Amino acid sequence: MALSPKTFAPDALRVMVVDDLGFMRIALRQIIEANGDMHVVGEARDGEEAVALARELKPDIITMDIEMPRMDGIEATRRITTEVSPRTIVIMVSSHTQDGAAATIRALRQGASDFVSKQSAFSNTDLGHIDSELPGKIRTLANNRGASPPVLAPEGARTGTQRYLNLGETVTRPTRGACLPGRAIDVVVIGVSTGGPATLATLLRAIGPIPVPIVVAQHMPQFFTACLAQSLTEDTGLRVREGAHRQPLPPGEVTILPGGRDAVLAPHEGSTLELRLTHADGAVHPSADLLFESAAMVARQPVAVILTGMGDDGTRGGGRLVHRNLPVLVQRPDTCVVGGMPSAAIEAGVASESLTLDEIASRLRRWASPTYSPRNPEGATP
């Protein structure tokens, strides 16, 4: 149902709440409206109501439960984001369980932008966790919708400067310039956060099988990364698995770091690498910074990739690769769900190139070829 108008700032974000439990709708409304820059314009009790109300209200943001009568949140998300209101951002409110994780990953594949987990069944702790995460995610996702985050201009690599647009203001900064591997790469390390599941599926499909391991730090809690690995296997046809302690990293395999943990690369037998699980202080886990730093220390010819996500994870670790004159590719911020992580690397002068997903895939395929040579970088199979 649409709610009666209240007095809010004219530019306040318009949020719709979808949950079959009245208590959760009330709790979410209170959490959202405790912030003066957002308000709830409507509430729905199931997926069918959500689709109809989204068509009527065209909200900026929807918080979506998963398990509901008549139509679940996954199907409602698909219909809203593809048929009803494509500009509306959907945030899933998920149970922190194996089943909840699997359903959340499916919803992210169907168009949801992000999720918050309930931690455990309907306790004050749950609501406190949602209260600490949801308003910030609403703001960040809404602010990135249709925004113009910093974007590298094509002339940057040619002139020795990077030109990028920030809210309509052109700024010029020093750049690393184009950076080619000195030989065929031996590992790809990827950092990604908000918008990651769909972005990873697109990128991995474009890369296809290559003769080097790919290791991914996707910011997610426990349970979620195993489900992500399974869904990426189904979506891409590649062998994708959740990492384990002292797991060897064979060529052609994609490893997703376990949710809520950190991991580093370490030498294995001969010239191969293995995974070592650890835990470091920091706001996000798994940490791309930690993964990148270890790659810079132990891999012969690593390449780092920074994809969509909030914050600046990957910038510090990418700096370690810069010291070895190794490539750090970033997704073009204007193609990201949230451009924070790539933009931070650009601002810091860490990014060697800012590219579309197809362009990133093309470089990785070429650089992973055994016939690659920096003297003839276009000679390898693209």
Protein backbone atom coordinates (compact mmCIF):
# COMPACT_ATOMS: atom_id res chain seq x y z
CA MET A 1 0.00 0.00 0.00
CA ALA A 2 1.06 3.57 -0.63
CA LEU A 3 1.58 5.51 2.59
CA SER A 4 0.12 8.90 3.40
CA PRO A 5 2.48 11.76 2.54
CA LYS A 6 4.62 13.08 5.39
CA THR A 7 6.88 16.08 5.62
CA PHE A 8 10.34 15.23 4.31
CA ALA A 9 13.02 17.11 2.41
CA PRO A 10 12.04 17.53 -1.26
CA ASP A 11 15.07 15.55 -2.37
CA ALA A 12 14.66 12.76 0.20
CA LEU A 13 15.10 9.27 -1.23
CA ARG A 14 11.83 7.43 -1.79
CA VAL A 15 11.97 3.90 -0.37
CA MET A 16 9.49 1.03 -0.63
CA VAL A 17 9.55 -1.80 1.93
CA VAL A 18 8.53 -5.35 0.97
CA ASP A 19 8.12 -8.01 3.68
CA ASP A 20 5.34 -10.43 4.60
CA LEU A 21 5.85 -9.80 8.34
CA GLY A 22 4.19 -6.66 9.67
CA PHE A 23 6.73 -6.34 12.46
CA MET A 24 9.61 -6.29 9.95
CA ARG A 25 7.88 -3.67 7.79
CA ILE A 26 7.45 -1.45 10.86
CA ALA A 27 11.05 -2.01 11.97
CA LEU A 28 12.47 -1.26 8.53
CA ARG A 29 10.32 1.85 8.20
CA GLN A 30 11.59 3.12 11.58
CA ILE A 31 15.22 2.43 10.61
CA ILE A 32 14.83 4.20 7.28
CA GLU A 33 12.88 7.22 8.53
CA ALA A 34 15.29 7.82 11.41
CA ASN A 35 17.40 9.33 8.62
CA GLY A 36 16.20 12.68 7.37
CA ASP A 37 17.33 12.09 3.79
CA MET A 38 15.04 9.11 3.09
CA HIS A 39 11.46 8.08 3.73
CA VAL A 40 9.12 5.15 3.07
CA VAL A 41 6.52 5.84 0.39
CA GLY A 42 4.90 2.39 0.32
CA GLU A 43 4.83 -1.11 1.80
CA ALA A 44 3.99 -4.48 0.24
CA ARG A 45 3.33 -7.87 1.86
CA ASP A 46 4.37 -10.12 -1.03
CA GLY A 47 5.97 -10.09 -4.45
CA GLU A 48 2.76 -9.49 -6.39
CA GLU A 49 1.94 -6.42 -4.32
CA ALA A 50 5.53 -5.26 -4.71
CA VAL A 51 5.42 -5.40 -8.51
CA ALA A 52 2.10 -3.53 -8.66
CA LEU A 53 3.21 -0.89 -6.15
CA ALA A 54 6.56 -0.37 -7.85
CA ARG A 55 4.71 0.28 -11.11
CA GLU A 56 2.56 2.89 -9.34
CA LEU A 57 5.16 4.61 -7.13
CA LYS A 58 8.44 4.22 -9.08
CA PRO A 59 10.49 4.38 -5.85
CA ASP A 60 14.21 5.09 -5.81
CA ILE A 61 14.97 2.07 -3.60
CA ILE A 62 13.16 -1.12 -2.61
CA THR A 63 14.10 -3.31 0.36
CA MET A 64 12.99 -6.82 -0.60
CA ASP A 65 12.36 -9.87 1.56
CA ILE A 66 12.96 -13.23 -0.14
CA GLU A 67 10.51 -15.80 1.23
CA MET A 68 6.97 -14.48 0.78
CA PRO A 69 3.58 -15.91 -0.26
CA ARG A 70 2.16 -15.69 -3.81
CA MET A 71 5.40 -14.42 -5.36
CA ASP A 72 8.84 -14.55 -3.76
CA GLY A 73 11.32 -11.69 -3.69
CA ILE A 74 13.54 -13.20 -6.39
CA GLU A 75 10.82 -13.21 -9.05
CA ALA A 76 9.55 -9.81 -7.90
CA THR A 77 13.07 -8.41 -8.24
CA ARG A 78 13.40 -9.80 -11.76
CA ARG A 79 10.10 -8.28 -12.86
CA ILE A 80 10.73 -4.90 -11.26
CA THR A 81 14.28 -4.45 -12.56
CA THR A 82 13.59 -5.70 -16.09
CA GLU A 83 9.94 -4.85 -16.80
CA VAL A 84 8.43 -2.38 -14.34
CA SER A 85 10.98 0.17 -13.11
CA PRO A 86 14.54 -0.55 -14.31
CA ARG A 87 15.98 2.51 -12.55
CA THR A 88 14.71 1.33 -9.16
CA ILE A 89 17.45 -0.14 -6.96
CA VAL A 90 16.62 -3.34 -5.06
CA ILE A 91 18.36 -4.29 -1.80
CA MET A 92 17.61 -7.79 -0.52
CA VAL A 93 17.04 -8.39 3.21
CA SER A 94 18.40 -11.90 3.65
CA SER A 95 18.69 -14.59 6.30
CA HIS A 96 22.30 -15.30 7.29
CA THR A 97 21.98 -19.04 6.56
CA GLN A 98 23.07 -21.39 3.79
CA ASP A 99 19.57 -21.34 2.27
CA GLY A 100 19.32 -17.57 2.67
CA ALA A 101 22.71 -17.11 1.03
CA ALA A 102 21.76 -19.23 -1.99
CA ALA A 103 18.51 -17.30 -2.44
CA THR A 104 20.33 -13.98 -2.14
CA ILE A 105 22.84 -14.94 -4.83
CA ARG A 106 19.93 -15.86 -7.13
CA ALA A 107 18.34 -12.46 -6.44
CA LEU A 108 21.61 -10.68 -7.24
CA ARG A 109 21.69 -12.55 -10.54
CA GLN A 110 18.13 -11.36 -11.23
CA GLY A 111 18.88 -7.66 -10.82
CA ALA A 112 19.22 -6.86 -7.11
CA SER A 113 22.08 -4.44 -6.44
CA ASP A 114 23.06 -5.47 -2.90
CA PHE A 115 21.84 -7.12 0.29
CA VAL A 116 21.84 -6.84 4.06
CA SER A 117 21.78 -9.97 6.18
CA LYS A 118 19.59 -10.47 9.24
CA GLN A 119 22.33 -12.33 11.12
CA SER A 120 19.90 -14.54 13.10
CA ALA A 121 16.17 -14.98 13.41
CA PHE A 122 14.33 -11.80 14.42
CA SER A 123 16.29 -10.48 17.37
CA ASN A 124 17.32 -7.00 18.45
CA THR A 125 20.79 -7.87 17.26
CA ASP A 126 19.38 -8.44 13.78
CA LEU A 127 17.73 -5.05 13.69
CA GLY A 128 20.85 -3.39 15.03
CA HIS A 129 22.87 -4.98 12.24
CA ILE A 130 20.38 -3.82 9.62
CA ASP A 131 20.31 -0.34 11.17
CA SER A 132 24.10 -0.09 10.90
CA GLU A 133 24.22 -1.17 7.23
CA LEU A 134 21.00 -0.35 5.40
CA PRO A 135 20.89 3.49 5.43
CA GLY A 136 24.49 3.73 4.20
CA LYS A 137 23.86 1.27 1.39
CA ILE A 138 20.71 3.13 0.36
CA ARG A 139 22.65 6.41 0.13
CA THR A 140 25.62 4.97 -1.71
CA LEU A 141 23.59 3.08 -4.29
CA ALA A 142 21.24 6.01 -4.88
CA ASN A 143 24.10 8.48 -5.21
CA ASN A 144 25.81 6.28 -7.81
CA ARG A 145 22.69 5.86 -9.91
CA GLY A 146 23.14 8.06 -12.95
CA ALA A 147 26.14 9.83 -11.38
CA SER A 148 29.38 10.69 -13.15
CA PRO A 149 32.19 9.28 -11.00
CA PRO A 150 35.82 9.82 -12.05
CA VAL A 151 36.44 8.24 -15.47
CA LEU A 152 39.79 7.94 -17.21
CA ALA A 153 39.77 9.65 -20.59
CA PRO A 154 41.35 7.83 -23.58
CA GLU A 155 43.98 10.53 -24.11
CA GLY A 156 45.41 9.89 -20.64
CA ALA A 157 47.68 7.02 -21.69
CA ARG A 158 48.96 9.02 -24.67
CA THR A 159 49.72 12.30 -22.87
CA GLY A 160 51.10 10.99 -19.60
CA THR A 161 48.19 12.43 -17.62
CA GLN A 162 44.83 11.07 -16.62
CA ARG A 163 41.83 13.24 -17.34
CA TYR A 164 38.63 12.27 -15.66
CA LEU A 165 35.30 13.80 -14.91
CA ASN A 166 34.08 14.30 -11.35
CA LEU A 167 30.59 15.77 -11.05
CA GLY A 168 31.14 17.78 -14.20
CA GLU A 169 34.56 19.13 -13.18
CA THR A 170 37.59 18.04 -15.23
CA VAL A 171 40.73 17.34 -13.21
CA THR A 172 44.20 16.41 -14.42
CA ARG A 173 46.57 14.24 -12.37
CA PRO A 174 49.83 12.36 -13.01
CA THR A 175 49.38 8.85 -14.38
CA ARG A 176 51.36 5.65 -14.53
CA GLY A 177 50.59 5.27 -18.23
CA ALA A 178 49.96 1.97 -19.99
CA CYS A 179 51.71 -0.96 -18.33
CA LEU A 180 52.45 -4.26 -20.10
CA PRO A 181 53.50 -7.45 -18.32
CA GLY A 182 57.13 -8.37 -18.87
CA ARG A 183 56.10 -11.93 -19.74
CA ALA A 184 52.98 -14.10 -19.70
CA ILE A 185 51.05 -13.59 -16.47
CA ASP A 186 50.93 -16.39 -13.89
CA VAL A 187 47.91 -15.33 -11.77
CA VAL A 188 44.98 -12.91 -11.89
CA VAL A 189 43.79 -11.40 -8.59
CA ILE A 190 40.43 -9.59 -8.50
CA GLY A 191 38.86 -7.31 -5.90
CA VAL A 192 35.11 -6.63 -6.06
CA SER A 193 32.24 -5.65 -3.78
CA THR A 194 28.76 -4.22 -4.45
CA GLY A 195 27.44 -5.47 -7.79
CA GLY A 196 30.01 -8.24 -7.85
CA PRO A 197 28.04 -11.42 -8.66
CA ALA A 198 26.60 -10.19 -11.97
CA THR A 199 29.82 -8.36 -12.87
CA LEU A 200 31.95 -11.43 -12.18
CA ALA A 201 29.66 -13.61 -14.28
CA THR A 202 29.94 -11.20 -17.21
CA LEU A 203 33.72 -10.87 -16.90
CA LEU A 204 34.45 -14.58 -16.45
CA ARG A 205 32.27 -15.50 -19.43
CA ALA A 206 34.18 -12.96 -21.51
CA ILE A 207 37.56 -14.26 -20.34
CA GLY A 208 36.73 -17.93 -20.87
CA PRO A 209 39.28 -20.62 -19.98
CA ILE A 210 42.83 -19.29 -19.62
CA PRO A 211 45.95 -21.20 -18.51
CA VAL A 212 46.42 -19.29 -15.21
CA PRO A 213 44.54 -19.30 -11.89
CA ILE A 214 42.09 -16.51 -11.07
CA VAL A 215 41.58 -15.58 -7.40
CA VAL A 216 38.66 -13.35 -6.35
CA ALA A 217 38.16 -11.32 -3.16
CA GLN A 218 34.40 -10.61 -3.18
CA HIS A 219 33.18 -8.81 -0.05
CA MET A 220 30.63 -11.21 1.43
CA PRO A 221 29.88 -12.89 4.76
CA GLN A 222 30.15 -16.58 5.59
CA PHE A 223 27.96 -18.98 3.55
CA PHE A 224 27.50 -16.56 0.65
CA THR A 225 30.75 -17.23 -1.23
CA ALA A 226 30.18 -20.98 -1.58
CA CYS A 227 26.82 -20.20 -3.19
CA LEU A 228 28.46 -17.57 -5.38
CA ALA A 229 31.05 -20.09 -6.58
CA GLN A 230 28.32 -22.58 -7.49
CA SER A 231 26.29 -19.97 -9.37
CA LEU A 232 29.37 -18.77 -11.29
CA THR A 233 30.15 -22.35 -12.30
CA GLU A 234 26.63 -22.63 -13.71
CA ASP A 235 26.76 -19.21 -15.39
CA THR A 236 30.22 -19.42 -16.95
CA GLY A 237 31.02 -23.11 -17.54
CA LEU A 238 34.35 -22.58 -15.76
CA ARG A 239 35.48 -24.49 -12.69
CA VAL A 240 34.79 -22.09 -9.81
CA ARG A 241 35.15 -23.09 -6.16
CA GLU A 242 35.35 -21.54 -2.72
CA GLY A 243 38.93 -21.48 -1.46
CA ALA A 244 40.31 -23.53 1.42
CA HIS A 245 43.47 -23.33 3.53
CA ARG A 246 46.58 -24.55 1.69
CA GLN A 247 44.54 -25.19 -1.46
CA PRO A 248 46.74 -25.31 -4.59
CA LEU A 249 45.74 -22.89 -7.36
CA PRO A 250 45.84 -24.85 -10.63
CA PRO A 251 45.78 -23.13 -14.02
CA GLY A 252 42.35 -22.49 -15.48
CA GLU A 253 40.51 -22.55 -12.16
CA VAL A 254 38.68 -19.68 -10.43
CA THR A 255 38.90 -19.49 -6.63
CA ILE A 256 36.52 -17.34 -4.57
CA LEU A 257 37.98 -16.44 -1.17
CA PRO A 258 35.76 -17.65 1.71
CA GLY A 259 33.27 -15.09 3.01
CA GLY A 260 34.18 -13.22 6.16
CA ARG A 261 37.81 -14.44 5.97
CA ASP A 262 40.99 -13.14 4.43
CA ALA A 263 43.56 -15.06 2.40
CA VAL A 264 46.98 -14.62 0.89
CA LEU A 265 48.91 -16.32 -1.89
CA ALA A 266 51.91 -18.44 -0.94
CA PRO A 267 54.42 -20.60 -2.86
CA HIS A 268 53.37 -24.20 -3.46
CA GLU A 269 55.33 -26.88 -5.30
CA GLY A 270 57.58 -25.81 -8.14
CA SER A 271 56.29 -22.61 -9.68
CA THR A 272 52.66 -22.97 -8.54
CA LEU A 273 50.84 -21.05 -5.82
CA GLU A 274 48.53 -21.99 -2.97
CA LEU A 275 46.01 -20.22 -0.75
CA ARG A 276 46.63 -19.51 2.94
CA LEU A 277 43.62 -18.44 5.01
CA THR A 278 44.19 -15.76 7.62
CA HIS A 279 42.37 -12.84 9.22
CA ALA A 280 43.50 -9.23 9.27
CA ASP A 281 42.13 -6.09 10.84
CA GLY A 282 40.01 -4.09 8.48
CA ALA A 283 36.49 -3.05 7.61
CA VAL A 284 35.89 -5.53 4.78
CA HIS A 285 36.54 -9.23 4.29
CA PRO A 286 37.86 -10.89 2.23
CA SER A 287 40.39 -8.09 1.77
CA ALA A 288 41.52 -7.29 -1.76
CA ASP A 289 44.40 -5.27 -0.32
CA LEU A 290 45.79 -8.31 1.49
CA LEU A 291 45.34 -10.54 -1.57
CA PHE A 292 47.04 -8.02 -3.88
CA GLU A 293 49.94 -7.45 -1.48
CA SER A 294 50.64 -11.17 -1.29
CA ALA A 295 50.46 -11.49 -5.09
CA ALA A 296 53.03 -8.72 -5.42
CA MET A 297 55.33 -10.57 -3.01
CA VAL A 298 55.16 -14.18 -4.23
CA ALA A 299 53.86 -14.31 -7.83
CA ARG A 300 56.24 -13.91 -10.77
CA GLN A 301 53.93 -11.93 -13.05
CA PRO A 302 50.58 -11.16 -11.39
CA VAL A 303 47.95 -8.76 -12.67
CA ALA A 304 45.33 -7.15 -10.41
CA VAL A 305 41.80 -6.17 -11.40
CA ILE A 306 39.57 -3.83 -9.38
CA LEU A 307 35.86 -4.04 -10.16
CA THR A 308 32.64 -2.43 -8.93
CA GLY A 309 32.29 -1.75 -5.21
CA MET A 310 32.06 0.72 -2.34
CA GLY A 311 35.12 2.08 -0.58
CA ASP A 312 38.79 1.86 -1.53
CA ASP A 313 39.75 -1.78 -1.00
CA GLY A 314 42.42 -2.76 -3.51
CA THR A 315 44.10 0.64 -3.75
CA ARG A 316 46.71 0.01 -1.04
CA GLY A 317 47.42 -3.50 -2.29
CA GLY A 318 47.50 -2.29 -5.87
CA GLY A 319 50.23 0.12 -4.83
CA ARG A 320 52.47 -2.87 -4.06
CA LEU A 321 52.09 -4.03 -7.65
CA VAL A 322 52.84 -0.51 -8.87
CA HIS A 323 56.22 -0.70 -7.11
CA ARG A 324 57.02 -3.72 -9.29
CA ASN A 325 55.69 -1.97 -12.42
CA LEU A 326 52.89 -4.54 -12.71
CA PRO A 327 49.47 -3.86 -14.27
CA VAL A 328 46.46 -2.85 -12.18
CA LEU A 329 43.35 -2.79 -14.38
CA VAL A 330 40.19 -1.12 -13.10
CA GLN A 331 36.64 -1.26 -14.36
CA ARG A 332 35.48 2.04 -15.82
CA PRO A 333 33.60 3.67 -12.92
CA ASP A 334 30.74 4.77 -15.18
CA THR A 335 30.02 1.10 -15.94
CA CYS A 336 29.96 0.04 -12.26
CA VAL A 337 27.00 -0.49 -9.95
CA VAL A 338 29.12 1.52 -7.48
CA GLY A 339 32.31 3.13 -8.78
CA GLY A 340 34.02 3.68 -5.42
CA MET A 341 36.77 1.05 -5.58
CA PRO A 342 37.91 1.76 -9.16
CA SER A 343 37.65 5.52 -8.58
CA ALA A 344 39.83 5.29 -5.46
CA ALA A 345 42.53 3.48 -7.44
CA ILE A 346 42.35 6.12 -10.17
CA GLU A 347 42.55 8.98 -7.64
CA ALA A 348 45.62 7.38 -6.01
CA GLY A 349 47.43 6.94 -9.32
CA VAL A 350 47.42 3.15 -8.92
CA ALA A 351 45.33 2.25 -11.98
CA SER A 352 47.28 1.53 -15.14
CA GLU A 353 44.13 1.43 -17.30
CA SER A 354 40.40 2.03 -16.81
CA LEU A 355 38.47 -0.33 -19.08
CA THR A 356 35.15 -1.96 -19.87
CA LEU A 357 34.69 -5.59 -18.83
CA ASP A 358 35.21 -6.76 -22.41
CA GLU A 359 38.45 -4.80 -22.64
CA ILE A 360 39.69 -6.26 -19.35
CA ALA A 361 38.86 -9.77 -20.58
CA SER A 362 40.69 -9.18 -23.86
CA ARG A 363 43.87 -8.10 -22.09
CA LEU A 364 43.80 -11.01 -19.66
CA ARG A 365 43.32 -13.54 -22.46
CA ARG A 366 46.22 -12.03 -24.40
CA TRP A 367 48.56 -11.72 -21.43
CA ALA A 368 47.84 -15.28 -20.25
CA SER A 369 48.78 -16.80 -23.61
CA PRO A 370 52.08 -18.75 -23.53
CA THR A 371 53.01 -16.94 -26.77
CA TYR A 372 52.62 -13.47 -25.24
CA SER A 373 55.59 -11.13 -25.49
CA PRO A 374 55.74 -7.44 -24.53
CA ARG A 375 57.71 -6.88 -27.74
CA ASN A 376 54.68 -8.05 -29.70
CA PRO A 377 51.71 -7.50 -27.34
CA GLU A 378 49.14 -7.84 -30.10
CA GLY A 379 50.66 -11.03 -31.46
CA ALA A 380 49.07 -13.36 -28.96
CA THR A 381 45.55 -14.62 -29.49
CA PRO A 382 43.14 -11.93 -28.17
